[in-house]
C-alpha atoms as a PDB file:
ATOM      1  CA  MET A   1       8.199  36.940  -4.174  1.00  0.00           C
ATOM      2  CA  GLN A   2       7.714  40.017  -6.410  1.00  0.00           C
ATOM      3  CA  LEU A   3       8.848  40.695  -9.954  1.00  0.00           C
ATOM      4  CA  ASP A   4       8.932  43.876 -12.004  1.00  0.00           C
ATOM      5  CA  GLY A   5       7.042  46.035  -9.527  1.00  0.00           C
ATOM      6  CA  GLU A   6       4.287  43.526  -8.804  1.00  0.00           C
ATOM      7  CA  VAL A   7       3.319  42.623  -5.245  1.00  0.00           C
ATOM      8  CA  ASP A   8       1.936  39.115  -4.701  1.00  0.00           C
ATOM      9  CA  GLN A   9      -1.394  38.641  -2.910  1.00  0.00           C
ATOM     10  CA  GLU A  10       0.092  37.242   0.321  1.00  0.00           C
ATOM     11  CA  THR A  11       2.483  40.181   0.666  1.00  0.00           C
ATOM     12  CA  ARG A  12      -0.287  42.630  -0.251  1.00  0.00           C
ATOM     13  CA  ALA A  13      -2.442  41.172   2.543  1.00  0.00           C
ATOM     14  CA  HIS A  14       0.357  41.590   5.127  1.00  0.00           C
ATOM     15  CA  VAL A  15       1.108  45.171   4.099  1.00  0.00           C
ATOM     16  CA  THR A  16      -2.575  46.134   3.968  1.00  0.00           C
ATOM     17  CA  ALA A  17      -3.036  44.702   7.472  1.00  0.00           C
ATOM     18  CA  LEU A  18      -0.253  47.015   8.706  1.00  0.00           C
ATOM     19  CA  ALA A  19      -2.014  50.043   7.240  1.00  0.00           C
ATOM     20  CA  VAL A  20      -5.293  49.034   8.872  1.00  0.00           C
ATOM     21  CA  GLU A  21      -3.715  48.293  12.269  1.00  0.00           C
ATOM     22  CA  PHE A  22      -1.908  51.667  12.316  1.00  0.00           C
ATOM     23  CA  ASN A  23      -5.215  53.542  12.071  1.00  0.00           C
ATOM     24  CA  TRP A  24      -7.130  51.104  14.262  1.00  0.00           C
ATOM     25  CA  LYS A  25      -4.738  51.776  17.126  1.00  0.00           C
ATOM     26  CA  LEU A  26      -4.644  55.559  16.672  1.00  0.00           C
ATOM     27  CA  ASP A  27      -8.417  55.878  16.239  1.00  0.00           C
ATOM     28  CA  ARG A  28      -9.088  53.903  19.389  1.00  0.00           C
ATOM     29  CA  GLY A  29      -6.270  55.341  21.501  1.00  0.00           C
ATOM     30  CA  ILE A  30      -4.374  52.058  21.782  1.00  0.00           C
ATOM     31  CA  ALA A  31      -0.697  52.836  22.279  1.00  0.00           C
ATOM     32  CA  GLU A  32       0.355  49.268  23.062  1.00  0.00           C
ATOM     33  CA  GLY A  33       2.075  47.665  20.067  1.00  0.00           C
ATOM     34  CA  PHE A  34       1.884  50.784  17.897  1.00  0.00           C
ATOM     35  CA  ALA A  35       5.659  51.311  17.639  1.00  0.00           C
ATOM     36  CA  GLU A  36       6.175  47.635  16.741  1.00  0.00           C
ATOM     37  CA  LEU A  37       4.245  48.174  13.507  1.00  0.00           C
ATOM     38  CA  PHE A  38       7.397  50.022  12.365  1.00  0.00           C
ATOM     39  CA  THR A  39      10.959  48.930  11.716  1.00  0.00           C
ATOM     40  CA  THR A  40      13.377  49.800  14.545  1.00  0.00           C
ATOM     41  CA  ASP A  41      14.417  52.931  12.609  1.00  0.00           C
ATOM     42  CA  GLY A  42      10.884  53.621  11.349  1.00  0.00           C
ATOM     43  CA  VAL A  43       9.642  57.156  10.712  1.00  0.00           C
ATOM     44  CA  PHE A  44       6.174  58.692  10.861  1.00  0.00           C
ATOM     45  CA  THR A  45       5.731  62.242   9.549  1.00  0.00           C
ATOM     46  CA  ALA A  46       2.479  64.171   9.901  1.00  0.00           C
ATOM     47  CA  ALA A  47       1.365  67.763  10.481  1.00  0.00           C
ATOM     48  CA  GLY A  48       4.925  69.056  10.222  1.00  0.00           C
ATOM     49  CA  SER A  49       6.316  66.702  12.897  1.00  0.00           C
ATOM     50  CA  GLU A  50       8.564  63.691  12.488  1.00  0.00           C
ATOM     51  CA  ARG A  51       8.776  60.758  14.899  1.00  0.00           C
ATOM     52  CA  ARG A  52      11.849  58.603  14.309  1.00  0.00           C
ATOM     53  CA  GLY A  53      12.583  55.239  15.922  1.00  0.00           C
ATOM     54  CA  ARG A  54      10.406  53.090  18.107  1.00  0.00           C
ATOM     55  CA  ALA A  55      10.940  55.126  21.285  1.00  0.00           C
ATOM     56  CA  GLU A  56       9.618  58.327  19.662  1.00  0.00           C
ATOM     57  CA  LEU A  57       6.800  56.405  17.979  1.00  0.00           C
ATOM     58  CA  ALA A  58       5.764  54.861  21.308  1.00  0.00           C
ATOM     59  CA  THR A  59       5.810  58.300  22.980  1.00  0.00           C
ATOM     60  CA  PHE A  60       3.659  59.706  20.157  1.00  0.00           C
ATOM     61  CA  ALA A  61       1.121  56.868  20.422  1.00  0.00           C
ATOM     62  CA  GLN A  62       0.927  57.219  24.204  1.00  0.00           C
ATOM     63  CA  ALA A  63       0.374  60.984  23.950  1.00  0.00           C
ATOM     64  CA  ARG A  64      -2.299  60.463  21.280  1.00  0.00           C
ATOM     65  CA  SER A  65      -4.074  57.895  23.461  1.00  0.00           C
ATOM     66  CA  GLU A  66      -4.288  60.435  26.294  1.00  0.00           C
ATOM     67  CA  GLN A  67      -5.942  63.132  24.156  1.00  0.00           C
ATOM     68  CA  ASN A  68      -9.657  63.759  24.453  1.00  0.00           C
ATOM     69  CA  LYS A  69     -10.303  63.086  20.767  1.00  0.00           C
ATOM     70  CA  ILE A  70     -12.623  60.850  18.836  1.00  0.00           C
ATOM     71  CA  SER A  71     -11.354  59.866  15.405  1.00  0.00           C
ATOM     72  CA  ARG A  72     -12.123  57.381  12.687  1.00  0.00           C
ATOM     73  CA  THR A  73     -10.094  56.904   9.543  1.00  0.00           C
ATOM     74  CA  ILE A  74     -11.555  55.426   6.387  1.00  0.00           C
ATOM     75  CA  LEU A  75      -8.832  53.915   4.190  1.00  0.00           C
ATOM     76  CA  GLY A  76      -8.938  53.451   0.444  1.00  0.00           C
ATOM     77  CA  LEU A  77      -7.259  50.559  -1.307  1.00  0.00           C
ATOM     78  CA  PRO A  78      -3.469  50.798  -1.287  1.00  0.00           C
ATOM     79  CA  ARG A  79      -1.429  51.130  -4.456  1.00  0.00           C
ATOM     80  CA  LEU A  80       1.713  49.051  -3.899  1.00  0.00           C
ATOM     81  CA  HIS A  81       4.927  48.754  -5.905  1.00  0.00           C
ATOM     82  CA  TRP A  82       7.939  46.527  -5.274  1.00  0.00           C
ATOM     83  CA  ASN A  83      11.144  48.446  -6.073  1.00  0.00           C
ATOM     84  CA  GLY A  84      13.538  45.532  -5.599  1.00  0.00           C
ATOM     85  CA  GLN A  85      14.360  46.298  -1.947  1.00  0.00           C
ATOM     86  CA  GLU A  86      11.093  47.341  -0.319  1.00  0.00           C
ATOM     87  CA  ILE A  87       7.481  48.066  -1.112  1.00  0.00           C
ATOM     88  CA  GLN A  88       6.378  51.612  -1.799  1.00  0.00           C
ATOM     89  CA  GLY A  89       2.735  52.342  -1.164  1.00  0.00           C
ATOM     90  CA  THR A  90       0.151  55.079  -1.396  1.00  0.00           C
ATOM     91  CA  VAL A  91      -2.927  54.699   0.811  1.00  0.00           C
ATOM     92  CA  PRO A  92      -5.736  57.268   0.479  1.00  0.00           C
ATOM     93  CA  TYR A  93      -7.639  58.211   3.636  1.00  0.00           C
ATOM     94  CA  THR A  94     -10.523  60.282   4.956  1.00  0.00           C
ATOM     95  CA  LEU A  95     -10.160  61.348   8.588  1.00  0.00           C
ATOM     96  CA  PHE A  96     -13.048  62.284  10.847  1.00  0.00           C
ATOM     97  CA  MET A  97     -11.988  63.867  14.156  1.00  0.00           C
ATOM     98  CA  HIS A  98     -13.698  65.562  17.089  1.00  0.00           C
ATOM     99  CA  SER A  99     -12.235  66.951  20.316  1.00  0.00           C
ATOM    100  CA  GLY A 100     -14.362  66.430  23.389  1.00  0.00           C
ATOM    101  CA  GLU A 101     -17.016  64.098  24.709  1.00  0.00           C
ATOM    102  CA  GLY A 102     -20.285  62.882  23.302  1.00  0.00           C
ATOM    103  CA  GLN A 103     -21.348  61.730  19.874  1.00  0.00           C
ATOM    104  CA  PRO A 104     -20.565  64.529  17.429  1.00  0.00           C
ATOM    105  CA  GLU A 105     -21.849  65.085  13.929  1.00  0.00           C
ATOM    106  CA  ALA A 106     -19.626  63.411  11.373  1.00  0.00           C
ATOM    107  CA  GLN A 107     -17.376  66.064   9.881  1.00  0.00           C
ATOM    108  CA  VAL A 108     -14.378  65.436   7.680  1.00  0.00           C
ATOM    109  CA  PHE A 109     -11.189  66.696   9.304  1.00  0.00           C
ATOM    110  CA  ALA A 110      -8.887  65.859   6.399  1.00  0.00           C
ATOM    111  CA  VAL A 111      -8.615  63.937   3.151  1.00  0.00           C
ATOM    112  CA  GLY A 112      -5.158  62.786   2.230  1.00  0.00           C
ATOM    113  CA  GLU A 113      -2.870  59.912   1.529  1.00  0.00           C
ATOM    114  CA  TYR A 114      -0.119  58.054   3.269  1.00  0.00           C
ATOM    115  CA  GLU A 115       3.114  57.697   1.343  1.00  0.00           C
ATOM    116  CA  ASP A 116       4.623  54.524   2.742  1.00  0.00           C
ATOM    117  CA  ASN A 117       7.664  52.300   2.529  1.00  0.00           C
ATOM    118  CA  TYR A 118       7.467  48.763   3.913  1.00  0.00           C
ATOM    119  CA  ARG A 119      10.227  46.240   4.448  1.00  0.00           C
ATOM    120  CA  ILE A 120      10.857  42.956   6.201  1.00  0.00           C
ATOM    121  CA  GLU A 121      12.533  43.141   9.608  1.00  0.00           C
ATOM    122  CA  ASP A 122      12.818  40.203  12.005  1.00  0.00           C
ATOM    123  CA  GLY A 123      10.849  38.050   9.569  1.00  0.00           C
ATOM    124  CA  ALA A 124       7.781  40.311   9.347  1.00  0.00           C
ATOM    125  CA  TRP A 125       6.616  43.148   7.127  1.00  0.00           C
ATOM    126  CA  ARG A 126       6.803  46.496   8.939  1.00  0.00           C
ATOM    127  CA  ILE A 127       6.372  50.167   8.111  1.00  0.00           C
ATOM    128  CA  ALA A 128       9.789  51.689   7.386  1.00  0.00           C
ATOM    129  CA  SER A 129       8.327  55.143   6.778  1.00  0.00           C
ATOM    130  CA  ARG A 130       4.888  56.715   6.634  1.00  0.00           C
ATOM    131  CA  ARG A 131       4.267  60.292   5.587  1.00  0.00           C
ATOM    132  CA  SER A 132       0.778  61.705   5.901  1.00  0.00           C
ATOM    133  CA  ARG A 133       0.066  64.210   3.153  1.00  0.00           C
ATOM    134  CA  GLN A 134      -3.159  66.175   3.212  1.00  0.00           C
ATOM    135  CA  VAL A 135      -4.822  66.664  -0.150  1.00  0.00           C
ATOM    136  CA  PHE A 136      -7.866  68.517   1.215  1.00  0.00           C
ATOM    137  CA  LYS A 137      -8.576  69.947   4.643  1.00  0.00           C
ATOM    138  CA  ARG A 138     -11.455  71.788   6.196  1.00  0.00           C
END
């Protein structure tokens, strides 16, 4: 699988797909399947709040899907490192967000990075933890 911190291409593809799907669902207000991107004890921390476990993650995704917000997240390439038990990753992002209707001007809401841990559960790679850390904000 992985040796000395390296992540093979197949594993990299699976983990990168998780990162993309996380933002795809949030940006489009799709709550269904969001919590299953995480391990059963998975954690998502952002804006000073922590959601722990699939029930809290599902509640968060449902609440986000009901908000009157338009968002799009542009992801950079992930930096991944195998530590012998799980993969640690850093994924840079640029977030555009607008509250309300219509087609707004594109304005950056935040620039940051996700600090992630991924591990295999039930035969599939999942997010064990994701912490959103803003580097710049408006």
